[in-house]
Amino acid sequence: MKKIIAIIAFVLFTTSAFSYSCPMLWGEVDELLKTAKESGKTSTQIKEVQKLRDEGKKAHDKGNHEMSEIILNKALAILKG
């Protein structure tokens, strides 16, 4: 019985480790957007980042997590660049 419980726990914890990180990425985008203007980003860059953030969230909501991460990483690149 202990082995079964250990196996179930292992499966549950390892599956969450391999899940996609879309929510963390758009959370990071949201945080960086709060200070984007003070960080020297232009209004055009900020609008582009907001557009990419929304596209990334839509891709996530549709189940396309890989595309979501690609889009959100583009937004982060603009904010961090």
PDB file of N, CA and C in Angstrom:
ATOM      1  N   MET A   1       0.824  -1.197   0.000  1.00  0.00           N
ATOM      2  CA  MET A   1       0.000   0.000   0.000  1.00  0.00           C
ATOM      3  C   MET A   1       0.866   1.258   0.000  1.00  0.00           C
ATOM      4  N   LYS A   2       1.958   1.223   0.758  1.00  0.00           N
ATOM      5  CA  LYS A   2       2.841   2.383   0.809  1.00  0.00           C
ATOM      6  C   LYS A   2       3.466   2.650  -0.561  1.00  0.00           C
ATOM      7  N   LYS A   3       3.764   1.590  -1.288  1.00  0.00           N
ATOM      8  CA  LYS A   3       4.355   1.752  -2.622  1.00  0.00           C
ATOM      9  C   LYS A   3       3.377   2.427  -3.578  1.00  0.00           C
ATOM     10  N   ILE A   4       2.116   2.038  -3.488  1.00  0.00           N
ATOM     11  CA  ILE A   4       1.098   2.631  -4.367  1.00  0.00           C
ATOM     12  C   ILE A   4       0.950   4.117  -4.072  1.00  0.00           C
ATOM     13  N   ILE A   5       0.904   4.464  -2.813  1.00  0.00           N
ATOM     14  CA  ILE A   5       0.778   5.875  -2.425  1.00  0.00           C
ATOM     15  C   ILE A   5       2.011   6.651  -2.887  1.00  0.00           C
ATOM     16  N   ALA A   6       3.180   6.065  -2.726  1.00  0.00           N
ATOM     17  CA  ALA A   6       4.408   6.734  -3.156  1.00  0.00           C
ATOM     18  C   ALA A   6       4.421   6.933  -4.663  1.00  0.00           C
ATOM     19  N   ILE A   7       3.966   5.952  -5.415  1.00  0.00           N
ATOM     20  CA  ILE A   7       3.926   6.063  -6.881  1.00  0.00           C
ATOM     21  C   ILE A   7       2.942   7.144  -7.306  1.00  0.00           C
ATOM     22  N   ILE A   8       1.783   7.162  -6.692  1.00  0.00           N
ATOM     23  CA  ILE A   8       0.780   8.184  -7.031  1.00  0.00           C
ATOM     24  C   ILE A   8       1.312   9.578  -6.714  1.00  0.00           C
ATOM     25  N   ALA A   9       1.922   9.738  -5.565  1.00  0.00           N
ATOM     26  CA  ALA A   9       2.488  11.040  -5.191  1.00  0.00           C
ATOM     27  C   ALA A   9       3.570  11.454  -6.167  1.00  0.00           C
ATOM     28  N   PHE A  10       4.421  10.520  -6.556  1.00  0.00           N
ATOM     29  CA  PHE A  10       5.494  10.818  -7.504  1.00  0.00           C
ATOM     30  C   PHE A  10       4.927  11.281  -8.837  1.00  0.00           C
ATOM     31  N   VAL A  11       3.931  10.592  -9.335  1.00  0.00           N
ATOM     32  CA  VAL A  11       3.318  10.947 -10.614  1.00  0.00           C
ATOM     33  C   VAL A  11       2.676  12.331 -10.532  1.00  0.00           C
ATOM     34  N   LEU A  12       1.966  12.603  -9.469  1.00  0.00           N
ATOM     35  CA  LEU A  12       1.301  13.899  -9.335  1.00  0.00           C
ATOM     36  C   LEU A  12       2.297  15.051  -9.272  1.00  0.00           C
ATOM     37  N   PHE A  13       3.369  14.876  -8.515  1.00  0.00           N
ATOM     38  CA  PHE A  13       4.336  15.964  -8.362  1.00  0.00           C
ATOM     39  C   PHE A  13       5.194  16.148  -9.603  1.00  0.00           C
ATOM     40  N   THR A  14       5.532  15.092 -10.297  1.00  0.00           N
ATOM     41  CA  THR A  14       6.371  15.245 -11.485  1.00  0.00           C
ATOM     42  C   THR A  14       5.575  15.786 -12.659  1.00  0.00           C
ATOM     43  N   THR A  15       4.290  15.502 -12.739  1.00  0.00           N
ATOM     44  CA  THR A  15       3.498  16.023 -13.851  1.00  0.00           C
ATOM     45  C   THR A  15       3.399  17.540 -13.757  1.00  0.00           C
ATOM     46  N   SER A  16       3.250  18.067 -12.563  1.00  0.00           N
ATOM     47  CA  SER A  16       3.147  19.521 -12.429  1.00  0.00           C
ATOM     48  C   SER A  16       4.483  20.195 -12.745  1.00  0.00           C
ATOM     49  N   ALA A  17       5.577  19.496 -12.580  1.00  0.00           N
ATOM     50  CA  ALA A  17       6.886  20.071 -12.883  1.00  0.00           C
ATOM     51  C   ALA A  17       7.080  20.260 -14.373  1.00  0.00           C
ATOM     52  N   PHE A  18       6.391  19.466 -15.181  1.00  0.00           N
ATOM     53  CA  PHE A  18       6.550  19.554 -16.630  1.00  0.00           C
ATOM     54  C   PHE A  18       5.469  20.389 -17.293  1.00  0.00           C
ATOM     55  N   SER A  19       4.605  21.006 -16.521  1.00  0.00           N
ATOM     56  CA  SER A  19       3.541  21.804 -17.114  1.00  0.00           C
ATOM     57  C   SER A  19       4.117  23.102 -17.683  1.00  0.00           C
ATOM     58  N   TYR A  20       3.357  23.726 -18.532  1.00  0.00           N
ATOM     59  CA  TYR A  20       3.816  24.944 -19.199  1.00  0.00           C
ATOM     60  C   TYR A  20       3.811  26.130 -18.243  1.00  0.00           C
ATOM     61  N   SER A  21       4.584  27.133 -18.583  1.00  0.00           N
ATOM     62  CA  SER A  21       4.760  28.260 -17.673  1.00  0.00           C
ATOM     63  C   SER A  21       4.107  29.538 -18.187  1.00  0.00           C
ATOM     64  N   CYS A  22       3.086  29.394 -19.012  1.00  0.00           N
ATOM     65  CA  CYS A  22       2.407  30.565 -19.575  1.00  0.00           C
ATOM     66  C   CYS A  22       1.948  31.561 -18.498  1.00  0.00           C
ATOM     67  N   PRO A  23       1.242  31.115 -17.463  1.00  0.00           N
ATOM     68  CA  PRO A  23       0.767  32.082 -16.465  1.00  0.00           C
ATOM     69  C   PRO A  23       1.902  32.843 -15.778  1.00  0.00           C
ATOM     70  N   MET A  24       3.014  32.178 -15.544  1.00  0.00           N
ATOM     71  CA  MET A  24       4.153  32.873 -14.924  1.00  0.00           C
ATOM     72  C   MET A  24       4.719  33.913 -15.889  1.00  0.00           C
ATOM     73  N   LEU A  25       4.757  33.572 -17.174  1.00  0.00           N
ATOM     74  CA  LEU A  25       5.301  34.505 -18.158  1.00  0.00           C
ATOM     75  C   LEU A  25       4.429  35.739 -18.295  1.00  0.00           C
ATOM     76  N   TRP A  26       3.102  35.548 -18.413  1.00  0.00           N
ATOM     77  CA  TRP A  26       2.281  36.759 -18.557  1.00  0.00           C
ATOM     78  C   TRP A  26       2.208  37.532 -17.259  1.00  0.00           C
ATOM     79  N   GLY A  27       2.406  36.881 -16.137  1.00  0.00           N
ATOM     80  CA  GLY A  27       2.516  37.595 -14.867  1.00  0.00           C
ATOM     81  C   GLY A  27       3.759  38.472 -14.835  1.00  0.00           C
ATOM     82  N   GLU A  28       4.856  37.934 -15.368  1.00  0.00           N
ATOM     83  CA  GLU A  28       6.094  38.716 -15.445  1.00  0.00           C
ATOM     84  C   GLU A  28       5.929  39.891 -16.408  1.00  0.00           C
ATOM     85  N   VAL A  29       5.251  39.644 -17.536  1.00  0.00           N
ATOM     86  CA  VAL A  29       4.975  40.727 -18.485  1.00  0.00           C
ATOM     87  C   VAL A  29       4.150  41.807 -17.798  1.00  0.00           C
ATOM     88  N   ASP A  30       3.115  41.408 -17.084  1.00  0.00           N
ATOM     89  CA  ASP A  30       2.258  42.385 -16.383  1.00  0.00           C
ATOM     90  C   ASP A  30       3.053  43.219 -15.386  1.00  0.00           C
ATOM     91  N   GLU A  31       3.936  42.569 -14.642  1.00  0.00           N
ATOM     92  CA  GLU A  31       4.743  43.299 -13.657  1.00  0.00           C
ATOM     93  C   GLU A  31       5.681  44.295 -14.344  1.00  0.00           C
ATOM     94  N   LEU A  32       6.320  43.878 -15.415  1.00  0.00           N
ATOM     95  CA  LEU A  32       7.245  44.768 -16.116  1.00  0.00           C
ATOM     96  C   LEU A  32       6.509  45.892 -16.841  1.00  0.00           C
ATOM     97  N   LEU A  33       5.272  45.641 -17.262  1.00  0.00           N
ATOM     98  CA  LEU A  33       4.484  46.692 -17.912  1.00  0.00           C
ATOM     99  C   LEU A  33       4.173  47.841 -16.955  1.00  0.00           C
ATOM    100  N   LYS A  34       4.061  47.524 -15.672  1.00  0.00           N
ATOM    101  CA  LYS A  34       3.744  48.564 -14.684  1.00  0.00           C
ATOM    102  C   LYS A  34       4.814  49.656 -14.643  1.00  0.00           C
ATOM    103  N   THR A  35       6.054  49.297 -14.929  1.00  0.00           N
ATOM    104  CA  THR A  35       7.152  50.265 -14.868  1.00  0.00           C
ATOM    105  C   THR A  35       7.818  50.468 -16.228  1.00  0.00           C
ATOM    106  N   ALA A  36       7.140  50.040 -17.291  1.00  0.00           N
ATOM    107  CA  ALA A  36       7.740  50.117 -18.628  1.00  0.00           C
ATOM    108  C   ALA A  36       8.046  51.555 -19.045  1.00  0.00           C
ATOM    109  N   LYS A  37       7.140  52.458 -18.768  1.00  0.00           N
ATOM    110  CA  LYS A  37       7.341  53.852 -19.167  1.00  0.00           C
ATOM    111  C   LYS A  37       8.521  54.459 -18.418  1.00  0.00           C
ATOM    112  N   GLU A  38       8.606  54.170 -17.139  1.00  0.00           N
ATOM    113  CA  GLU A  38       9.711  54.680 -16.323  1.00  0.00           C
ATOM    114  C   GLU A  38      11.041  54.039 -16.732  1.00  0.00           C
ATOM    115  N   SER A  39      10.957  52.862 -17.345  1.00  0.00           N
ATOM    116  CA  SER A  39      12.162  52.156 -17.784  1.00  0.00           C
ATOM    117  C   SER A  39      12.629  52.610 -19.168  1.00  0.00           C
ATOM    118  N   GLY A  40      11.946  53.593 -19.725  1.00  0.00           N
ATOM    119  CA  GLY A  40      12.370  54.158 -21.001  1.00  0.00           C
ATOM    120  C   GLY A  40      11.724  53.539 -22.222  1.00  0.00           C
ATOM    121  N   LYS A  41      10.691  52.750 -22.049  1.00  0.00           N
ATOM    122  CA  LYS A  41      10.010  52.150 -23.190  1.00  0.00           C
ATOM    123  C   LYS A  41       9.072  53.167 -23.808  1.00  0.00           C
ATOM    124  N   THR A  42       8.996  53.164 -25.135  1.00  0.00           N
ATOM    125  CA  THR A  42       8.119  54.100 -25.840  1.00  0.00           C
ATOM    126  C   THR A  42       6.684  53.598 -25.786  1.00  0.00           C
ATOM    127  N   SER A  43       5.757  54.486 -26.102  1.00  0.00           N
ATOM    128  CA  SER A  43       4.347  54.081 -26.098  1.00  0.00           C
ATOM    129  C   SER A  43       4.091  53.021 -27.169  1.00  0.00           C
ATOM    130  N   THR A  44       4.823  53.089 -28.284  1.00  0.00           N
ATOM    131  CA  THR A  44       4.702  52.075 -29.336  1.00  0.00           C
ATOM    132  C   THR A  44       5.153  50.716 -28.823  1.00  0.00           C
ATOM    133  N   GLN A  45       6.269  50.676 -28.108  1.00  0.00           N
ATOM    134  CA  GLN A  45       6.757  49.422 -27.544  1.00  0.00           C
ATOM    135  C   GLN A  45       5.770  48.866 -26.515  1.00  0.00           C
ATOM    136  N   ILE A  46       5.234  49.731 -25.693  1.00  0.00           N
ATOM    137  CA  ILE A  46       4.286  49.305 -24.666  1.00  0.00           C
ATOM    138  C   ILE A  46       3.027  48.725 -25.307  1.00  0.00           C
ATOM    139  N   LYS A  47       2.530  49.381 -26.357  1.00  0.00           N
ATOM    140  CA  LYS A  47       1.346  48.869 -27.061  1.00  0.00           C
ATOM    141  C   LYS A  47       1.640  47.510 -27.689  1.00  0.00           C
ATOM    142  N   GLU A  48       2.815  47.349 -28.277  1.00  0.00           N
ATOM    143  CA  GLU A  48       3.207  46.077 -28.882  1.00  0.00           C
ATOM    144  C   GLU A  48       3.277  44.975 -27.823  1.00  0.00           C
ATOM    145  N   VAL A  49       3.835  45.294 -26.671  1.00  0.00           N
ATOM    146  CA  VAL A  49       3.936  44.319 -25.583  1.00  0.00           C
ATOM    147  C   VAL A  49       2.535  43.929 -25.100  1.00  0.00           C
ATOM    148  N   GLN A  50       1.651  44.899 -24.960  1.00  0.00           N
ATOM    149  CA  GLN A  50       0.287  44.599 -24.520  1.00  0.00           C
ATOM    150  C   GLN A  50      -0.419  43.703 -25.531  1.00  0.00           C
ATOM    151  N   LYS A  51      -0.192  43.971 -26.812  1.00  0.00           N
ATOM    152  CA  LYS A  51      -0.788  43.156 -27.876  1.00  0.00           C
ATOM    153  C   LYS A  51      -0.243  41.723 -27.797  1.00  0.00           C
ATOM    154  N   LEU A  52       1.071  41.590 -27.639  1.00  0.00           N
ATOM    155  CA  LEU A  52       1.685  40.270 -27.545  1.00  0.00           C
ATOM    156  C   LEU A  52       1.195  39.540 -26.291  1.00  0.00           C
ATOM    157  N   ARG A  53       1.047  40.259 -25.210  1.00  0.00           N
ATOM    158  CA  ARG A  53       0.571  39.659 -23.958  1.00  0.00           C
ATOM    159  C   ARG A  53      -0.826  39.083 -24.148  1.00  0.00           C
ATOM    160  N   ASP A  54      -1.700  39.852 -24.802  1.00  0.00           N
ATOM    161  CA  ASP A  54      -3.063  39.387 -25.043  1.00  0.00           C
ATOM    162  C   ASP A  54      -3.083  38.187 -25.989  1.00  0.00           C
ATOM    163  N   GLU A  55      -2.240  38.217 -27.032  1.00  0.00           N
ATOM    164  CA  GLU A  55      -2.149  37.091 -27.963  1.00  0.00           C
ATOM    165  C   GLU A  55      -1.633  35.841 -27.248  1.00  0.00           C
ATOM    166  N   GLY A  56      -0.667  36.026 -26.371  1.00  0.00           N
ATOM    167  CA  GLY A  56      -0.130  34.906 -25.613  1.00  0.00           C
ATOM    168  C   GLY A  56      -1.170  34.290 -24.701  1.00  0.00           C
ATOM    169  N   LYS A  57      -1.968  35.121 -24.070  1.00  0.00           N
ATOM    170  CA  LYS A  57      -3.031  34.618 -23.187  1.00  0.00           C
ATOM    171  C   LYS A  57      -4.084  33.877 -23.997  1.00  0.00           C
ATOM    172  N   LYS A  58      -4.433  34.409 -25.170  1.00  0.00           N
ATOM    173  CA  LYS A  58      -5.421  33.736 -26.018  1.00  0.00           C
ATOM    174  C   LYS A  58      -4.905  32.374 -26.469  1.00  0.00           C
ATOM    175  N   ALA A  59      -3.638  32.312 -26.855  1.00  0.00           N
ATOM    176  CA  ALA A  59      -3.050  31.039 -27.277  1.00  0.00           C
ATOM    177  C   ALA A  59      -3.095  30.041 -26.121  1.00  0.00           C
ATOM    178  N   HIS A  60      -2.802  30.502 -24.920  1.00  0.00           N
ATOM    179  CA  HIS A  60      -2.861  29.640 -23.736  1.00  0.00           C
ATOM    180  C   HIS A  60      -4.284  29.131 -23.510  1.00  0.00           C
ATOM    181  N   ASP A  61      -5.253  30.039 -23.599  1.00  0.00           N
ATOM    182  CA  ASP A  61      -6.649  29.677 -23.366  1.00  0.00           C
ATOM    183  C   ASP A  61      -7.144  28.656 -24.390  1.00  0.00           C
ATOM    184  N   LYS A  62      -6.574  28.711 -25.605  1.00  0.00           N
ATOM    185  CA  LYS A  62      -6.956  27.763 -26.651  1.00  0.00           C
ATOM    186  C   LYS A  62      -6.189  26.450 -26.542  1.00  0.00           C
ATOM    187  N   GLY A  63      -5.270  26.367 -25.587  1.00  0.00           N
ATOM    188  CA  GLY A  63      -4.512  25.137 -25.377  1.00  0.00           C
ATOM    189  C   GLY A  63      -3.208  25.066 -26.136  1.00  0.00           C
ATOM    190  N   ASN A  64      -2.843  26.146 -26.828  1.00  0.00           N
ATOM    191  CA  ASN A  64      -1.597  26.166 -27.586  1.00  0.00           C
ATOM    192  C   ASN A  64      -0.503  26.792 -26.713  1.00  0.00           C
ATOM    193  N   HIS A  65      -0.011  26.011 -25.768  1.00  0.00           N
ATOM    194  CA  HIS A  65       0.913  26.523 -24.762  1.00  0.00           C
ATOM    195  C   HIS A  65       2.292  26.846 -25.334  1.00  0.00           C
ATOM    196  N   GLU A  66       2.743  26.076 -26.281  1.00  0.00           N
ATOM    197  CA  GLU A  66       4.058  26.361 -26.867  1.00  0.00           C
ATOM    198  C   GLU A  66       4.051  27.708 -27.582  1.00  0.00           C
ATOM    199  N   MET A  67       2.994  27.974 -28.358  1.00  0.00           N
ATOM    200  CA  MET A  67       2.887  29.261 -29.053  1.00  0.00           C
ATOM    201  C   MET A  67       2.735  30.389 -28.033  1.00  0.00           C
ATOM    202  N   SER A  68       1.991  30.145 -26.977  1.00  0.00           N
ATOM    203  CA  SER A  68       1.824  31.141 -25.931  1.00  0.00           C
ATOM    204  C   SER A  68       3.169  31.536 -25.341  1.00  0.00           C
ATOM    205  N   GLU A  69       3.999  30.551 -25.039  1.00  0.00           N
ATOM    206  CA  GLU A  69       5.314  30.845 -24.471  1.00  0.00           C
ATOM    207  C   GLU A  69       6.192  31.609 -25.447  1.00  0.00           C
ATOM    208  N   ILE A  70       6.123  31.269 -26.730  1.00  0.00           N
ATOM    209  CA  ILE A  70       6.911  31.978 -27.740  1.00  0.00           C
ATOM    210  C   ILE A  70       6.498  33.444 -27.790  1.00  0.00           C
ATOM    211  N   ILE A  71       5.196  33.678 -27.840  1.00  0.00           N
ATOM    212  CA  ILE A  71       4.669  35.055 -27.926  1.00  0.00           C
ATOM    213  C   ILE A  71       5.027  35.841 -26.659  1.00  0.00           C
ATOM    214  N   LEU A  72       4.821  35.235 -25.505  1.00  0.00           N
ATOM    215  CA  LEU A  72       5.103  35.941 -24.256  1.00  0.00           C
ATOM    216  C   LEU A  72       6.593  36.213 -24.080  1.00  0.00           C
ATOM    217  N   ASN A  73       7.429  35.320 -24.557  1.00  0.00           N
ATOM    218  CA  ASN A  73       8.874  35.573 -24.497  1.00  0.00           C
ATOM    219  C   ASN A  73       9.285  36.718 -25.418  1.00  0.00           C
ATOM    220  N   LYS A  74       8.580  36.896 -26.536  1.00  0.00           N
ATOM    221  CA  LYS A  74       8.838  38.056 -27.402  1.00  0.00           C
ATOM    222  C   LYS A  74       8.505  39.346 -26.656  1.00  0.00           C
ATOM    223  N   ALA A  75       7.390  39.323 -25.936  1.00  0.00           N
ATOM    224  CA  ALA A  75       6.998  40.500 -25.153  1.00  0.00           C
ATOM    225  C   ALA A  75       8.034  40.797 -24.078  1.00  0.00           C
ATOM    226  N   LEU A  76       8.521  39.759 -23.425  1.00  0.00           N
ATOM    227  CA  LEU A  76       9.543  39.949 -22.390  1.00  0.00           C
ATOM    228  C   LEU A  76      10.837  40.475 -22.978  1.00  0.00           C
ATOM    229  N   ALA A  77      11.184  40.025 -24.169  1.00  0.00           N
ATOM    230  CA  ALA A  77      12.399  40.489 -24.822  1.00  0.00           C
ATOM    231  C   ALA A  77      12.339  41.998 -25.074  1.00  0.00           C
ATOM    232  N   ILE A  78      11.166  42.476 -25.461  1.00  0.00           N
ATOM    233  CA  ILE A  78      10.999  43.919 -25.688  1.00  0.00           C
ATOM    234  C   ILE A  78      11.143  44.668 -24.356  1.00  0.00           C
ATOM    235  N   LEU A  79      10.507  44.146 -23.326  1.00  0.00           N
ATOM    236  CA  LEU A  79      10.531  44.820 -22.033  1.00  0.00           C
ATOM    237  C   LEU A  79      11.923  44.809 -21.392  1.00  0.00           C
ATOM    238  N   LYS A  80      12.647  43.732 -21.598  1.00  0.00           N
ATOM    239  CA  LYS A  80      13.968  43.602 -20.968  1.00  0.00           C
ATOM    240  C   LYS A  80      15.081  44.152 -21.837  1.00  0.00           C
ATOM    241  N   GLY A  81      14.783  44.394 -23.098  1.00  0.00           N
ATOM    242  CA  GLY A  81      15.812  44.862 -24.039  1.00  0.00           C
ATOM    243  C   GLY A  81      16.134  46.308 -23.924  1.00  0.00           C
TER     244      GLY A  81
END
